[in-house]
Amino acid sequence: MGLYEYMMLTEDEQWNDLWQIGIFLPHHTGHKEKFSLYALYDFFVEVELDLNTNKMIAKGHFKTGETLDKYAGDIYYTLI
């Protein structure tokens, strides 16, 4: 499944695929939030958690770009 087809799924179906098929890669912690990166099909999904409430507040999808760049070193060490 490609990114476009994934985006056509309902929100519940997207979360279901992420939790069942997604591969957890590293996380990145900010001041008030934590970002967890998952590999899914041929793209990546970033889940943002609020550190105060430990609740998911956002989800982003991408193949390349600045969002992925911040994980570059961590992904390498996760895969070896």
Protein backbone atom coordinates (compact mmCIF):
# COMPACT_ATOMS: atom_id res chain seq x y z
CA MET A 1 0.00 0.00 0.00
CA GLY A 2 1.29 3.43 -0.83
CA LEU A 3 0.96 6.65 1.13
CA TYR A 4 -1.96 7.88 -0.98
CA GLU A 5 -3.95 4.67 -0.40
CA TYR A 6 -3.15 4.82 3.31
CA MET A 7 -4.45 8.39 3.50
CA MET A 8 -7.72 7.23 1.90
CA LEU A 9 -8.35 4.86 4.84
CA THR A 10 -10.46 6.00 7.76
CA GLU A 11 -8.60 7.33 10.80
CA ASP A 12 -9.37 4.11 12.70
CA GLU A 13 -8.04 1.97 9.83
CA GLN A 14 -4.86 4.08 9.70
CA TRP A 15 -4.23 3.59 13.43
CA ASN A 16 -5.00 -0.12 13.14
CA ASP A 17 -2.45 -0.58 10.34
CA LEU A 18 0.14 1.44 12.25
CA TRP A 19 -0.18 -0.62 15.44
CA GLN A 20 -0.41 -4.00 13.67
CA ILE A 21 2.07 -3.59 10.80
CA GLY A 22 4.20 -0.55 11.66
CA ILE A 23 7.79 -1.03 12.79
CA PHE A 24 8.84 1.22 15.66
CA LEU A 25 12.04 3.10 14.92
CA PRO A 26 13.51 5.72 17.30
CA HIS A 27 11.81 8.51 19.17
CA HIS A 28 12.79 12.15 19.52
CA THR A 29 11.97 14.11 22.68
CA GLY A 30 11.31 17.84 22.70
CA HIS A 31 10.55 20.14 25.61
CA LYS A 32 6.85 19.31 25.97
CA GLU A 33 6.40 16.51 23.46
CA LYS A 34 7.78 13.19 22.32
CA PHE A 35 7.81 12.09 18.68
CA SER A 36 7.82 8.38 17.83
CA LEU A 37 8.74 7.23 14.33
CA TYR A 38 7.31 4.15 12.62
CA ALA A 39 8.06 2.57 9.24
CA LEU A 40 4.86 1.49 7.51
CA TYR A 41 4.66 0.11 3.94
CA ASP A 42 6.90 2.44 1.89
CA PHE A 43 6.66 5.55 4.09
CA PHE A 44 7.02 6.77 7.68
CA VAL A 45 4.50 7.82 10.32
CA GLU A 46 5.41 10.19 13.16
CA VAL A 47 3.22 10.15 16.26
CA GLU A 48 3.40 13.13 18.62
CA LEU A 49 2.72 12.60 22.33
CA ASP A 50 2.17 15.27 24.96
CA LEU A 51 4.65 14.54 27.76
CA ASN A 52 2.39 16.05 30.44
CA THR A 53 -0.66 13.94 29.63
CA ASN A 54 1.03 11.08 27.73
CA LYS A 55 -1.71 11.37 25.09
CA MET A 56 -1.34 11.31 21.32
CA ILE A 57 -1.93 14.76 19.91
CA ALA A 58 -0.88 14.44 16.26
CA LYS A 59 0.15 12.06 13.50
CA GLY A 60 2.10 12.90 10.36
CA HIS A 61 2.96 10.87 7.24
CA PHE A 62 5.92 11.34 4.91
CA LYS A 63 8.51 9.61 2.75
CA THR A 64 11.42 12.05 2.95
CA GLY A 65 12.23 15.58 4.05
CA GLU A 66 13.09 17.59 7.12
CA THR A 67 10.78 15.61 9.39
CA LEU A 68 12.67 12.42 8.58
CA ASP A 69 16.08 14.14 8.71
CA LYS A 70 15.92 14.67 12.49
CA TYR A 71 15.88 10.87 12.94
CA ALA A 72 18.72 10.10 10.49
CA GLY A 73 21.39 9.09 13.01
CA ASP A 74 18.95 7.26 15.26
CA ILE A 75 17.48 5.19 12.43
CA TYR A 76 20.94 3.98 11.44
CA TYR A 77 21.71 2.73 14.94
CA THR A 78 18.25 1.16 15.29
CA LEU A 79 18.72 -0.90 12.12
CA ILE A 80 22.17 -2.32 12.97
